């Protein structure tokens, strides 16, 4: 396994908000009460299409929903906010929040997320095409063709990614590779939370900018983008990415906090100077800025429900630890403090 391999998968599902889906997600407020037409039958060799559940299905899923992921209550200045570690690709029956998470959502007055996926300007930045010279390089080096070939193998429509930068296509294909295991970006937890917020008219506040997240996915230099694409190609061609995505998604679904907290010990993503710098930019630097905004909004009186990728909650530089250092009382809610996590 190449040392970079887990970096691409983890970026796609635990750290950076992604907009990649097959078009039938639960991010719309309509998903919280309206039925949809069932998807057409797919080829037997293709993943089953994501679909919007019918109204009875939605009711049943919501009724049986259990708490998944990672939730903390953070208290200061006489009131509480909540930190919720999400995943950006999930199974349908994971998508709806369980009772403890629903209670936190009800008690909050503002939903804070990495990016607002209903903001047209945000979506435009993420969907901007790349520089023509960069595209020519990626065509000449056959990276673009190899990604398009994998997209066809995943049963995605021809030209599905023509409007995206090639690095965004690479990240999308990694995220979409989990569909064979029932894991879809259409059911991304942070997107579902945003759909809930819109359905009950709670304000959604972004903690980051689309420009910054696009840079994380594409790299800051041509060489870095080449490396990220090559890493994705390796994962996709060997099926490594799909297996790792399933393992990471299972960690999230099981609320395996022990594994999350020891992420840097098993991620296989800190072997080189480049990898260490990427991880610092992807997590530590972003966490500091997120924490500042969370503290500012909380101090101004807001009761926040912060829903961001689960890796932002991990370790001594995670959001719970950073807020604790700033004097917040931090209480673990999900998993329950007595819950037993798996051993690495």
C-alpha atoms as a PDB file:
ATOM      1  CA  UNK A   1       0.000   0.000   0.000  1.00  0.00           C
ATOM      2  CA  UNK A   2       1.311   3.422  -0.887  1.00  0.00           C
ATOM      3  CA  UNK A   3       1.802   5.627   2.121  1.00  0.00           C
ATOM      4  CA  UNK A   4      -0.594   8.248   0.787  1.00  0.00           C
ATOM      5  CA  UNK A   5      -3.503   5.898   0.207  1.00  0.00           C
ATOM      6  CA  UNK A   6      -5.552   6.459   3.353  1.00  0.00           C
ATOM      7  CA  UNK A   7      -5.147  10.207   3.003  1.00  0.00           C
ATOM      8  CA  UNK A   8      -7.417  10.370  -0.040  1.00  0.00           C
ATOM      9  CA  UNK A   9     -10.158   8.219   1.475  1.00  0.00           C
ATOM     10  CA  UNK A  10     -10.147  10.008   4.817  1.00  0.00           C
ATOM     11  CA  UNK A  11     -10.203  13.399   3.112  1.00  0.00           C
ATOM     12  CA  UNK A  12     -13.194  12.316   1.053  1.00  0.00           C
ATOM     13  CA  UNK A  13     -15.343  10.991   3.896  1.00  0.00           C
ATOM     14  CA  UNK A  14     -14.246  12.440   7.241  1.00  0.00           C
ATOM     15  CA  UNK A  15     -12.623  15.807   6.768  1.00  0.00           C
ATOM     16  CA  UNK A  16     -13.795  17.903   3.809  1.00  0.00           C
ATOM     17  CA  UNK A  17     -17.426  18.570   2.932  1.00  0.00           C
ATOM     18  CA  UNK A  18     -18.199  17.072  -0.462  1.00  0.00           C
ATOM     19  CA  UNK A  19     -20.976  17.890  -2.918  1.00  0.00           C
ATOM     20  CA  UNK A  20     -20.685  14.625  -4.831  1.00  0.00           C
ATOM     21  CA  UNK A  21     -23.832  12.590  -5.214  1.00  0.00           C
ATOM     22  CA  UNK A  22     -25.902  10.814  -7.808  1.00  0.00           C
ATOM     23  CA  UNK A  23     -28.709  13.282  -7.415  1.00  0.00           C
ATOM     24  CA  UNK A  24     -31.094  11.593  -4.954  1.00  0.00           C
ATOM     25  CA  UNK A  25     -29.793  12.776  -1.604  1.00  0.00           C
ATOM     26  CA  UNK A  26     -31.488  13.769   1.638  1.00  0.00           C
ATOM     27  CA  UNK A  27     -29.988  17.261   1.834  1.00  0.00           C
ATOM     28  CA  UNK A  28     -33.182  18.988   0.698  1.00  0.00           C
ATOM     29  CA  UNK A  29     -35.706  20.043   3.308  1.00  0.00           C
ATOM     30  CA  UNK A  30     -38.233  18.159   1.164  1.00  0.00           C
ATOM     31  CA  UNK A  31     -36.571  14.915   2.176  1.00  0.00           C
ATOM     32  CA  UNK A  32     -37.990  15.374   5.655  1.00  0.00           C
ATOM     33  CA  UNK A  33     -41.585  14.820   4.597  1.00  0.00           C
ATOM     34  CA  UNK A  34     -42.139  14.139   0.903  1.00  0.00           C
ATOM     35  CA  UNK A  35     -41.998  10.970  -1.143  1.00  0.00           C
ATOM     36  CA  UNK A  36     -40.209  10.500  -4.442  1.00  0.00           C
ATOM     37  CA  UNK A  37     -40.427   8.263  -7.463  1.00  0.00           C
ATOM     38  CA  UNK A  38     -38.418   5.044  -7.058  1.00  0.00           C
ATOM     39  CA  UNK A  39     -35.171   4.962  -9.065  1.00  0.00           C
ATOM     40  CA  UNK A  40     -34.960   3.021 -12.314  1.00  0.00           C
ATOM     41  CA  UNK A  41     -33.504  -0.473 -12.214  1.00  0.00           C
ATOM     42  CA  UNK A  42     -29.729  -0.577 -12.681  1.00  0.00           C
ATOM     43  CA  UNK A  43     -27.556  -3.069 -14.496  1.00  0.00           C
ATOM     44  CA  UNK A  44     -26.722  -6.058 -12.302  1.00  0.00           C
ATOM     45  CA  UNK A  45     -23.057  -5.052 -12.402  1.00  0.00           C
ATOM     46  CA  UNK A  46     -23.770  -1.511 -11.240  1.00  0.00           C
ATOM     47  CA  UNK A  47     -24.354  -0.252  -7.702  1.00  0.00           C
ATOM     48  CA  UNK A  48     -27.984   0.172  -6.724  1.00  0.00           C
ATOM     49  CA  UNK A  49     -28.960   3.785  -7.290  1.00  0.00           C
ATOM     50  CA  UNK A  50     -29.449   6.061  -4.320  1.00  0.00           C
ATOM     51  CA  UNK A  51     -33.076   7.000  -3.933  1.00  0.00           C
ATOM     52  CA  UNK A  52     -35.359   9.222  -1.948  1.00  0.00           C
ATOM     53  CA  UNK A  53     -37.370   7.043   0.438  1.00  0.00           C
ATOM     54  CA  UNK A  54     -41.141   7.200   0.322  1.00  0.00           C
ATOM     55  CA  UNK A  55     -42.975   8.973   3.120  1.00  0.00           C
ATOM     56  CA  UNK A  56     -43.713   5.688   4.963  1.00  0.00           C
ATOM     57  CA  UNK A  57     -40.071   4.621   4.563  1.00  0.00           C
ATOM     58  CA  UNK A  58     -38.871   7.953   5.942  1.00  0.00           C
ATOM     59  CA  UNK A  59     -41.185   7.604   8.918  1.00  0.00           C
ATOM     60  CA  UNK A  60     -39.939   4.094   9.653  1.00  0.00           C
ATOM     61  CA  UNK A  61     -36.261   5.073   9.306  1.00  0.00           C
ATOM     62  CA  UNK A  62     -36.762   8.047  11.604  1.00  0.00           C
ATOM     63  CA  UNK A  63     -38.655   5.928  14.151  1.00  0.00           C
ATOM     64  CA  UNK A  64     -35.891   3.335  14.399  1.00  0.00           C
ATOM     65  CA  UNK A  65     -32.919   5.708  14.087  1.00  0.00           C
ATOM     66  CA  UNK A  66     -30.112   5.206  16.590  1.00  0.00           C
ATOM     67  CA  UNK A  67     -27.407   7.638  17.614  1.00  0.00           C
ATOM     68  CA  UNK A  68     -24.271   7.288  15.512  1.00  0.00           C
ATOM     69  CA  UNK A  69     -21.112   9.297  15.134  1.00  0.00           C
ATOM     70  CA  UNK A  70     -19.689  11.465  17.899  1.00  0.00           C
ATOM     71  CA  UNK A  71     -21.454  14.139  19.967  1.00  0.00           C
ATOM     72  CA  UNK A  72     -20.263  16.448  22.749  1.00  0.00           C
ATOM     73  CA  UNK A  73     -22.062  19.097  24.767  1.00  0.00           C
ATOM     74  CA  UNK A  74     -19.897  22.167  25.379  1.00  0.00           C
ATOM     75  CA  UNK A  75     -20.952  24.651  28.035  1.00  0.00           C
ATOM     76  CA  UNK A  76     -19.742  28.164  28.840  1.00  0.00           C
ATOM     77  CA  UNK A  77     -21.285  31.523  29.726  1.00  0.00           C
ATOM     78  CA  UNK A  78     -24.355  29.833  31.156  1.00  0.00           C
ATOM     79  CA  UNK A  79     -25.514  27.983  28.051  1.00  0.00           C
ATOM     80  CA  UNK A  80     -24.586  25.009  25.886  1.00  0.00           C
ATOM     81  CA  UNK A  81     -23.664  24.244  22.303  1.00  0.00           C
ATOM     82  CA  UNK A  82     -22.978  20.861  20.699  1.00  0.00           C
ATOM     83  CA  UNK A  83     -20.194  19.395  18.566  1.00  0.00           C
ATOM     84  CA  UNK A  84     -21.173  16.587  16.211  1.00  0.00           C
ATOM     85  CA  UNK A  85     -18.617  14.613  14.192  1.00  0.00           C
ATOM     86  CA  UNK A  86     -20.158  13.601  10.868  1.00  0.00           C
ATOM     87  CA  UNK A  87     -19.243  11.499   7.860  1.00  0.00           C
ATOM     88  CA  UNK A  88     -19.616  12.678   4.270  1.00  0.00           C
ATOM     89  CA  UNK A  89     -20.865   9.356   2.855  1.00  0.00           C
ATOM     90  CA  UNK A  90     -23.235   7.015   4.669  1.00  0.00           C
ATOM     91  CA  UNK A  91     -25.834   4.276   4.447  1.00  0.00           C
ATOM     92  CA  UNK A  92     -29.468   5.295   4.231  1.00  0.00           C
ATOM     93  CA  UNK A  93     -30.385   3.802   7.610  1.00  0.00           C
ATOM     94  CA  UNK A  94     -27.545   5.776   9.232  1.00  0.00           C
ATOM     95  CA  UNK A  95     -28.682   9.096   7.833  1.00  0.00           C
ATOM     96  CA  UNK A  96     -31.354  10.096  10.313  1.00  0.00           C
ATOM     97  CA  UNK A  97     -30.237  11.256  13.770  1.00  0.00           C
ATOM     98  CA  UNK A  98     -31.001   9.216  16.860  1.00  0.00           C
ATOM     99  CA  UNK A  99     -32.758  10.539  19.981  1.00  0.00           C
ATOM    100  CA  UNK A 100     -29.768  12.187  21.692  1.00  0.00           C
ATOM    101  CA  UNK A 101     -28.683  13.939  18.517  1.00  0.00           C
ATOM    102  CA  UNK A 102     -32.261  15.016  17.764  1.00  0.00           C
ATOM    103  CA  UNK A 103     -32.506  16.469  21.266  1.00  0.00           C
ATOM    104  CA  UNK A 104     -29.335  18.485  20.721  1.00  0.00           C
ATOM    105  CA  UNK A 105     -30.656  19.722  17.384  1.00  0.00           C
ATOM    106  CA  UNK A 106     -33.915  20.845  19.007  1.00  0.00           C
ATOM    107  CA  UNK A 107     -32.088  22.705  21.775  1.00  0.00           C
ATOM    108  CA  UNK A 108     -29.835  24.563  19.355  1.00  0.00           C
ATOM    109  CA  UNK A 109     -30.765  27.793  17.597  1.00  0.00           C
ATOM    110  CA  UNK A 110     -28.080  27.799  14.879  1.00  0.00           C
ATOM    111  CA  UNK A 111     -26.515  25.041  12.772  1.00  0.00           C
ATOM    112  CA  UNK A 112     -22.793  25.573  12.088  1.00  0.00           C
ATOM    113  CA  UNK A 113     -21.249  23.538   9.262  1.00  0.00           C
ATOM    114  CA  UNK A 114     -18.104  23.493   7.164  1.00  0.00           C
ATOM    115  CA  UNK A 115     -19.928  24.856   4.105  1.00  0.00           C
ATOM    116  CA  UNK A 116     -23.545  25.721   3.354  1.00  0.00           C
ATOM    117  CA  UNK A 117     -24.546  23.425   0.503  1.00  0.00           C
ATOM    118  CA  UNK A 118     -27.598  25.565  -0.307  1.00  0.00           C
ATOM    119  CA  UNK A 119     -25.511  28.647  -1.068  1.00  0.00           C
ATOM    120  CA  UNK A 120     -25.218  29.130  -4.859  1.00  0.00           C
ATOM    121  CA  UNK A 121     -21.934  31.028  -4.568  1.00  0.00           C
ATOM    122  CA  UNK A 122     -20.385  28.189  -2.559  1.00  0.00           C
ATOM    123  CA  UNK A 123     -21.477  25.595  -5.104  1.00  0.00           C
ATOM    124  CA  UNK A 124     -20.156  27.694  -7.961  1.00  0.00           C
ATOM    125  CA  UNK A 125     -16.681  27.869  -6.439  1.00  0.00           C
ATOM    126  CA  UNK A 126     -16.585  24.120  -5.854  1.00  0.00           C
ATOM    127  CA  UNK A 127     -17.747  23.464  -9.409  1.00  0.00           C
ATOM    128  CA  UNK A 128     -15.443  25.927 -11.149  1.00  0.00           C
ATOM    129  CA  UNK A 129     -13.397  24.415 -13.959  1.00  0.00           C
ATOM    130  CA  UNK A 130      -9.649  24.355 -13.633  1.00  0.00           C
ATOM    131  CA  UNK A 131      -7.119  26.373 -15.540  1.00  0.00           C
ATOM    132  CA  UNK A 132      -6.957  25.234 -19.201  1.00  0.00           C
ATOM    133  CA  UNK A 133      -3.202  24.708 -18.975  1.00  0.00           C
ATOM    134  CA  UNK A 134      -3.656  22.428 -15.968  1.00  0.00           C
ATOM    135  CA  UNK A 135      -6.356  20.469 -17.768  1.00  0.00           C
ATOM    136  CA  UNK A 136      -4.119  20.047 -20.793  1.00  0.00           C
ATOM    137  CA  UNK A 137      -1.362  18.659 -18.567  1.00  0.00           C
ATOM    138  CA  UNK A 138      -3.778  16.197 -16.951  1.00  0.00           C
ATOM    139  CA  UNK A 139      -5.015  15.101 -20.366  1.00  0.00           C
ATOM    140  CA  UNK A 140      -1.493  14.704 -21.749  1.00  0.00           C
ATOM    141  CA  UNK A 141      -0.407  12.651 -18.735  1.00  0.00           C
ATOM    142  CA  UNK A 142      -3.521  10.452 -19.137  1.00  0.00           C
ATOM    143  CA  UNK A 143      -4.713  11.183 -15.609  1.00  0.00           C
ATOM    144  CA  UNK A 144      -8.001  12.610 -16.870  1.00  0.00           C
ATOM    145  CA  UNK A 145      -8.633   9.616 -19.152  1.00  0.00           C
ATOM    146  CA  UNK A 146      -7.893   7.134 -16.371  1.00  0.00           C
ATOM    147  CA  UNK A 147     -10.353   8.845 -14.057  1.00  0.00           C
ATOM    148  CA  UNK A 148     -13.011   8.934 -16.771  1.00  0.00           C
ATOM    149  CA  UNK A 149     -12.484   5.217 -17.364  1.00  0.00           C
ATOM    150  CA  UNK A 150     -13.016   4.516 -13.664  1.00  0.00           C
ATOM    151  CA  UNK A 151     -16.145   6.685 -13.729  1.00  0.00           C
ATOM    152  CA  UNK A 152     -17.513   4.502 -16.531  1.00  0.00           C
ATOM    153  CA  UNK A 153     -16.669   1.382 -14.531  1.00  0.00           C
ATOM    154  CA  UNK A 154     -18.650   2.870 -11.635  1.00  0.00           C
ATOM    155  CA  UNK A 155     -21.644   3.184 -14.008  1.00  0.00           C
ATOM    156  CA  UNK A 156     -21.643   6.965 -13.861  1.00  0.00           C
ATOM    157  CA  UNK A 157     -23.038   8.896 -16.843  1.00  0.00           C
ATOM    158  CA  UNK A 158     -20.618   9.933 -19.615  1.00  0.00           C
ATOM    159  CA  UNK A 159     -19.230  13.427 -19.085  1.00  0.00           C
ATOM    160  CA  UNK A 160     -20.567  13.435 -15.510  1.00  0.00           C
ATOM    161  CA  UNK A 161     -17.509  15.355 -14.314  1.00  0.00           C
ATOM    162  CA  UNK A 162     -16.837  17.568 -17.319  1.00  0.00           C
ATOM    163  CA  UNK A 163     -17.874  20.636 -15.334  1.00  0.00           C
ATOM    164  CA  UNK A 164     -15.506  19.868 -12.432  1.00  0.00           C
ATOM    165  CA  UNK A 165     -11.781  20.209 -11.949  1.00  0.00           C
ATOM    166  CA  UNK A 166      -9.984  16.896 -12.366  1.00  0.00           C
ATOM    167  CA  UNK A 167      -8.894  16.809  -8.734  1.00  0.00           C
ATOM    168  CA  UNK A 168     -12.529  17.188  -7.702  1.00  0.00           C
ATOM    169  CA  UNK A 169     -13.412  14.276  -9.986  1.00  0.00           C
ATOM    170  CA  UNK A 170     -10.779  12.142  -8.254  1.00  0.00           C
ATOM    171  CA  UNK A 171     -12.177  12.933  -4.805  1.00  0.00           C
ATOM    172  CA  UNK A 172     -15.715  12.309  -6.053  1.00  0.00           C
ATOM    173  CA  UNK A 173     -14.854   8.875  -7.418  1.00  0.00           C
ATOM    174  CA  UNK A 174     -13.294   7.853  -4.104  1.00  0.00           C
ATOM    175  CA  UNK A 175     -16.424   8.967  -2.267  1.00  0.00           C
ATOM    176  CA  UNK A 176     -18.699   7.241  -4.799  1.00  0.00           C
ATOM    177  CA  UNK A 177     -16.749   3.972  -4.689  1.00  0.00           C
ATOM    178  CA  UNK A 178     -18.564   3.000  -1.499  1.00  0.00           C
ATOM    179  CA  UNK A 179     -21.897   2.649  -3.301  1.00  0.00           C
ATOM    180  CA  UNK A 180     -21.229  -1.071  -3.824  1.00  0.00           C
ATOM    181  CA  UNK A 181     -21.328  -1.385  -0.036  1.00  0.00           C
ATOM    182  CA  UNK A 182     -24.427   0.778   0.314  1.00  0.00           C
ATOM    183  CA  UNK A 183     -22.444   3.892   1.317  1.00  0.00           C
ATOM    184  CA  UNK A 184     -23.500   6.987  -0.623  1.00  0.00           C
ATOM    185  CA  UNK A 185     -22.504  10.662  -0.537  1.00  0.00           C
ATOM    186  CA  UNK A 186     -26.209  11.267  -1.225  1.00  0.00           C
ATOM    187  CA  UNK A 187     -26.801  10.363   2.437  1.00  0.00           C
ATOM    188  CA  UNK A 188     -23.919  12.429   3.832  1.00  0.00           C
ATOM    189  CA  UNK A 189     -24.686  13.180   7.464  1.00  0.00           C
ATOM    190  CA  UNK A 190     -23.765  16.858   7.347  1.00  0.00           C
ATOM    191  CA  UNK A 191     -26.027  17.283   4.308  1.00  0.00           C
ATOM    192  CA  UNK A 192     -28.906  15.617   6.157  1.00  0.00           C
ATOM    193  CA  UNK A 193     -28.358  17.946   9.112  1.00  0.00           C
ATOM    194  CA  UNK A 194     -28.542  20.923   6.754  1.00  0.00           C
ATOM    195  CA  UNK A 195     -31.782  19.563   5.293  1.00  0.00           C
ATOM    196  CA  UNK A 196     -33.198  19.324   8.802  1.00  0.00           C
ATOM    197  CA  UNK A 197     -32.138  22.901   9.561  1.00  0.00           C
ATOM    198  CA  UNK A 198     -33.908  24.216   6.485  1.00  0.00           C
ATOM    199  CA  UNK A 199     -37.044  22.206   7.269  1.00  0.00           C
ATOM    200  CA  UNK A 200     -37.382  23.876  10.686  1.00  0.00           C
ATOM    201  CA  UNK A 201     -36.034  27.253   9.541  1.00  0.00           C
ATOM    202  CA  UNK A 202     -32.906  27.272  11.667  1.00  0.00           C
ATOM    203  CA  UNK A 203     -30.069  29.413  10.287  1.00  0.00           C
ATOM    204  CA  UNK A 204     -27.082  27.623   8.752  1.00  0.00           C
ATOM    205  CA  UNK A 205     -23.710  29.281   9.302  1.00  0.00           C
ATOM    206  CA  UNK A 206     -20.574  28.177   7.408  1.00  0.00           C
ATOM    207  CA  UNK A 207     -17.343  27.902   9.368  1.00  0.00           C
ATOM    208  CA  UNK A 208     -15.165  27.837   6.245  1.00  0.00           C
ATOM    209  CA  UNK A 209     -15.037  29.113   2.678  1.00  0.00           C
ATOM    210  CA  UNK A 210     -15.503  27.159  -0.521  1.00  0.00           C
ATOM    211  CA  UNK A 211     -12.236  28.550  -1.840  1.00  0.00           C
ATOM    212  CA  UNK A 212     -10.299  27.090   1.091  1.00  0.00           C
ATOM    213  CA  UNK A 213     -11.917  23.664   0.755  1.00  0.00           C
ATOM    214  CA  UNK A 214     -11.355  23.597  -2.996  1.00  0.00           C
ATOM    215  CA  UNK A 215      -7.683  24.291  -2.377  1.00  0.00           C
ATOM    216  CA  UNK A 216      -7.506  21.374   0.062  1.00  0.00           C
ATOM    217  CA  UNK A 217      -8.965  19.018  -2.541  1.00  0.00           C
ATOM    218  CA  UNK A 218      -6.858  20.279  -5.449  1.00  0.00           C
ATOM    219  CA  UNK A 219      -3.631  21.092  -3.648  1.00  0.00           C
ATOM    220  CA  UNK A 220      -1.739  24.356  -3.647  1.00  0.00           C
ATOM    221  CA  UNK A 221       0.573  23.451  -6.525  1.00  0.00           C
ATOM    222  CA  UNK A 222       0.320  21.461  -9.739  1.00  0.00           C
ATOM    223  CA  UNK A 223       2.678  18.850  -8.305  1.00  0.00           C
ATOM    224  CA  UNK A 224       0.508  18.430  -5.215  1.00  0.00           C
ATOM    225  CA  UNK A 225      -2.636  18.008  -7.310  1.00  0.00           C
ATOM    226  CA  UNK A 226      -0.847  15.428  -9.458  1.00  0.00           C
ATOM    227  CA  UNK A 227       0.090  13.516  -6.299  1.00  0.00           C
ATOM    228  CA  UNK A 228      -3.464  13.651  -4.936  1.00  0.00           C
ATOM    229  CA  UNK A 229      -4.871  12.392  -8.239  1.00  0.00           C
ATOM    230  CA  UNK A 230      -2.254   9.638  -8.460  1.00  0.00           C
ATOM    231  CA  UNK A 231      -3.125   8.578  -4.937  1.00  0.00           C
ATOM    232  CA  UNK A 232      -6.815   8.419  -5.816  1.00  0.00           C
ATOM    233  CA  UNK A 233      -6.060   6.452  -8.984  1.00  0.00           C
ATOM    234  CA  UNK A 234      -4.086   3.918  -6.958  1.00  0.00           C
ATOM    235  CA  UNK A 235      -6.890   3.499  -4.444  1.00  0.00           C
ATOM    236  CA  UNK A 236      -9.566   3.233  -7.107  1.00  0.00           C
ATOM    237  CA  UNK A 237      -7.654   0.845  -9.352  1.00  0.00           C
ATOM    238  CA  UNK A 238      -6.746  -1.529  -6.513  1.00  0.00           C
ATOM    239  CA  UNK A 239     -10.074  -1.295  -4.636  1.00  0.00           C
ATOM    240  CA  UNK A 240      -8.030  -0.182  -1.633  1.00  0.00           C
ATOM    241  CA  UNK A 241     -10.043   2.997  -1.331  1.00  0.00           C
ATOM    242  CA  UNK A 242     -13.363   1.182  -1.217  1.00  0.00           C
ATOM    243  CA  UNK A 243     -12.177  -1.173   1.539  1.00  0.00           C
ATOM    244  CA  UNK A 244     -10.790   1.690   3.608  1.00  0.00           C
ATOM    245  CA  UNK A 245     -13.938   3.731   3.089  1.00  0.00           C
ATOM    246  CA  UNK A 246     -16.014   0.838   4.437  1.00  0.00           C
ATOM    247  CA  UNK A 247     -13.730   0.458   7.467  1.00  0.00           C
ATOM    248  CA  UNK A 248     -13.863   4.179   8.232  1.00  0.00           C
ATOM    249  CA  UNK A 249     -17.620   4.341   7.727  1.00  0.00           C
ATOM    250  CA  UNK A 250     -18.050   1.394  10.099  1.00  0.00           C
ATOM    251  CA  UNK A 251     -15.938   3.212  12.694  1.00  0.00           C
ATOM    252  CA  UNK A 252     -18.278   6.189  12.415  1.00  0.00           C
ATOM    253  CA  UNK A 253     -21.469   4.120  12.461  1.00  0.00           C
ATOM    254  CA  UNK A 254     -20.279   2.269  15.577  1.00  0.00           C
ATOM    255  CA  UNK A 255     -19.251   5.522  17.296  1.00  0.00           C
ATOM    256  CA  UNK A 256     -15.804   4.004  17.825  1.00  0.00           C
ATOM    257  CA  UNK A 257     -14.280   6.920  19.692  1.00  0.00           C
ATOM    258  CA  UNK A 258     -11.151   5.012  20.669  1.00  0.00           C
ATOM    259  CA  UNK A 259     -10.280   4.463  17.029  1.00  0.00           C
ATOM    260  CA  UNK A 260     -11.103   8.056  16.128  1.00  0.00           C
ATOM    261  CA  UNK A 261      -8.934   9.424  18.939  1.00  0.00           C
ATOM    262  CA  UNK A 262      -5.982   7.316  17.759  1.00  0.00           C
ATOM    263  CA  UNK A 263      -6.423   8.272  14.120  1.00  0.00           C
ATOM    264  CA  UNK A 264      -2.827   9.421  13.651  1.00  0.00           C
ATOM    265  CA  UNK A 265      -1.542   6.056  14.825  1.00  0.00           C
ATOM    266  CA  UNK A 266      -3.351   4.059  12.132  1.00  0.00           C
ATOM    267  CA  UNK A 267      -3.966   6.499   9.275  1.00  0.00           C
ATOM    268  CA  UNK A 268      -0.730   5.625   7.451  1.00  0.00           C
ATOM    269  CA  UNK A 269      -0.629   9.297   6.471  1.00  0.00           C
ATOM    270  CA  UNK A 270       2.257  10.798   8.459  1.00  0.00           C
ATOM    271  CA  UNK A 271       5.299   9.070   7.008  1.00  0.00           C
ATOM    272  CA  UNK A 272       6.722  11.927   4.967  1.00  0.00           C
ATOM    273  CA  UNK A 273       7.197  15.657   5.394  1.00  0.00           C
ATOM    274  CA  UNK A 274       4.604  16.210   2.677  1.00  0.00           C
ATOM    275  CA  UNK A 275       2.049  14.025   4.437  1.00  0.00           C
ATOM    276  CA  UNK A 276       2.644  15.727   7.782  1.00  0.00           C
ATOM    277  CA  UNK A 277       2.183  19.146   6.190  1.00  0.00           C
ATOM    278  CA  UNK A 278      -1.001  17.997   4.460  1.00  0.00           C
ATOM    279  CA  UNK A 279      -2.461  16.607   7.689  1.00  0.00           C
ATOM    280  CA  UNK A 280      -1.611  19.809   9.550  1.00  0.00           C
ATOM    281  CA  UNK A 281      -3.348  21.883   6.884  1.00  0.00           C
ATOM    282  CA  UNK A 282      -6.283  19.481   6.628  1.00  0.00           C
ATOM    283  CA  UNK A 283      -6.947  19.259  10.376  1.00  0.00           C
ATOM    284  CA  UNK A 284      -4.898  21.265  12.864  1.00  0.00           C
ATOM    285  CA  UNK A 285      -4.898  24.603  11.042  1.00  0.00           C
ATOM    286  CA  UNK A 286      -8.576  24.360  10.170  1.00  0.00           C
ATOM    287  CA  UNK A 287      -9.545  23.330  13.694  1.00  0.00           C
ATOM    288  CA  UNK A 288      -7.937  26.435  15.155  1.00  0.00           C
ATOM    289  CA  UNK A 289      -9.940  28.698  12.856  1.00  0.00           C
ATOM    290  CA  UNK A 290     -13.165  26.744  13.379  1.00  0.00           C
ATOM    291  CA  UNK A 291     -12.736  26.905  17.152  1.00  0.00           C
ATOM    292  CA  UNK A 292     -12.309  30.689  17.023  1.00  0.00           C
ATOM    293  CA  UNK A 293     -15.586  31.090  15.127  1.00  0.00           C
ATOM    294  CA  UNK A 294     -17.429  28.640  17.361  1.00  0.00           C
ATOM    295  CA  UNK A 295     -16.255  30.467  20.492  1.00  0.00           C
ATOM    296  CA  UNK A 296     -17.206  33.836  19.006  1.00  0.00           C
ATOM    297  CA  UNK A 297     -20.731  32.715  18.109  1.00  0.00           C
ATOM    298  CA  UNK A 298     -21.256  30.864  21.384  1.00  0.00           C
ATOM    299  CA  UNK A 299     -20.032  33.840  23.421  1.00  0.00           C
ATOM    300  CA  UNK A 300     -22.472  36.086  21.555  1.00  0.00           C
ATOM    301  CA  UNK A 301     -25.298  33.942  22.919  1.00  0.00           C
ATOM    302  CA  UNK A 302     -25.953  31.358  20.212  1.00  0.00           C
ATOM    303  CA  UNK A 303     -26.704  27.745  21.040  1.00  0.00           C
ATOM    304  CA  UNK A 304     -24.820  26.068  18.231  1.00  0.00           C
ATOM    305  CA  UNK A 305     -25.114  22.614  16.754  1.00  0.00           C
ATOM    306  CA  UNK A 306     -21.740  22.245  15.039  1.00  0.00           C
ATOM    307  CA  UNK A 307     -21.765  19.471  12.412  1.00  0.00           C
ATOM    308  CA  UNK A 308     -18.361  18.923  10.797  1.00  0.00           C
ATOM    309  CA  UNK A 309     -16.292  15.948   9.656  1.00  0.00           C
ATOM    310  CA  UNK A 310     -15.472  13.579  12.504  1.00  0.00           C
ATOM    311  CA  UNK A 311     -11.706  13.975  12.174  1.00  0.00           C
ATOM    312  CA  UNK A 312     -12.094  17.543  13.412  1.00  0.00           C
ATOM    313  CA  UNK A 313     -12.988  16.023  16.792  1.00  0.00           C
ATOM    314  CA  UNK A 314      -9.920  13.792  17.053  1.00  0.00           C
ATOM    315  CA  UNK A 315      -7.050  14.068  19.509  1.00  0.00           C
ATOM    316  CA  UNK A 316      -5.449  16.960  21.407  1.00  0.00           C
ATOM    317  CA  UNK A 317      -5.948  19.344  18.487  1.00  0.00           C
ATOM    318  CA  UNK A 318      -9.595  18.383  17.922  1.00  0.00           C
ATOM    319  CA  UNK A 319     -12.448  20.777  18.569  1.00  0.00           C
ATOM    320  CA  UNK A 320     -13.516  19.264  21.931  1.00  0.00           C
ATOM    321  CA  UNK A 321      -9.946  19.549  23.231  1.00  0.00           C
ATOM    322  CA  UNK A 322      -9.496  23.084  21.892  1.00  0.00           C
ATOM    323  CA  UNK A 323     -12.722  24.290  23.498  1.00  0.00           C
ATOM    324  CA  UNK A 324     -11.795  22.601  26.765  1.00  0.00           C
ATOM    325  CA  UNK A 325      -8.528  24.554  26.752  1.00  0.00           C
ATOM    326  CA  UNK A 326     -10.581  27.743  26.359  1.00  0.00           C
ATOM    327  CA  UNK A 327     -12.560  27.014  29.515  1.00  0.00           C
ATOM    328  CA  UNK A 328     -15.585  25.198  28.122  1.00  0.00           C
ATOM    329  CA  UNK A 329     -17.016  22.291  30.073  1.00  0.00           C
ATOM    330  CA  UNK A 330     -16.946  19.452  27.531  1.00  0.00           C
ATOM    331  CA  UNK A 331     -19.273  16.485  28.096  1.00  0.00           C
ATOM    332  CA  UNK A 332     -19.207  13.396  25.901  1.00  0.00           C
ATOM    333  CA  UNK A 333     -22.738  12.387  24.860  1.00  0.00           C
ATOM    334  CA  UNK A 334     -22.322   9.924  21.949  1.00  0.00           C
ATOM    335  CA  UNK A 335     -20.958   7.396  22.488  1.00  0.00           C
ATOM    336  CA  UNK A 336     -21.922   7.222  26.150  1.00  0.00           C
ATOM    337  CA  UNK A 337     -18.773   7.628  28.282  1.00  0.00           C
ATOM    338  CA  UNK A 338     -19.058   4.033  29.492  1.00  0.00           C
ATOM    339  CA  UNK A 339     -19.286   2.613  25.963  1.00  0.00           C
ATOM    340  CA  UNK A 340     -16.495   0.241  24.987  1.00  0.00           C
ATOM    341  CA  UNK A 341     -14.630   1.079  21.773  1.00  0.00           C
ATOM    342  CA  UNK A 342     -12.669  -1.356  19.655  1.00  0.00           C
ATOM    343  CA  UNK A 343      -8.963  -1.742  20.194  1.00  0.00           C
ATOM    344  CA  UNK A 344      -6.528  -0.777  17.468  1.00  0.00           C
END
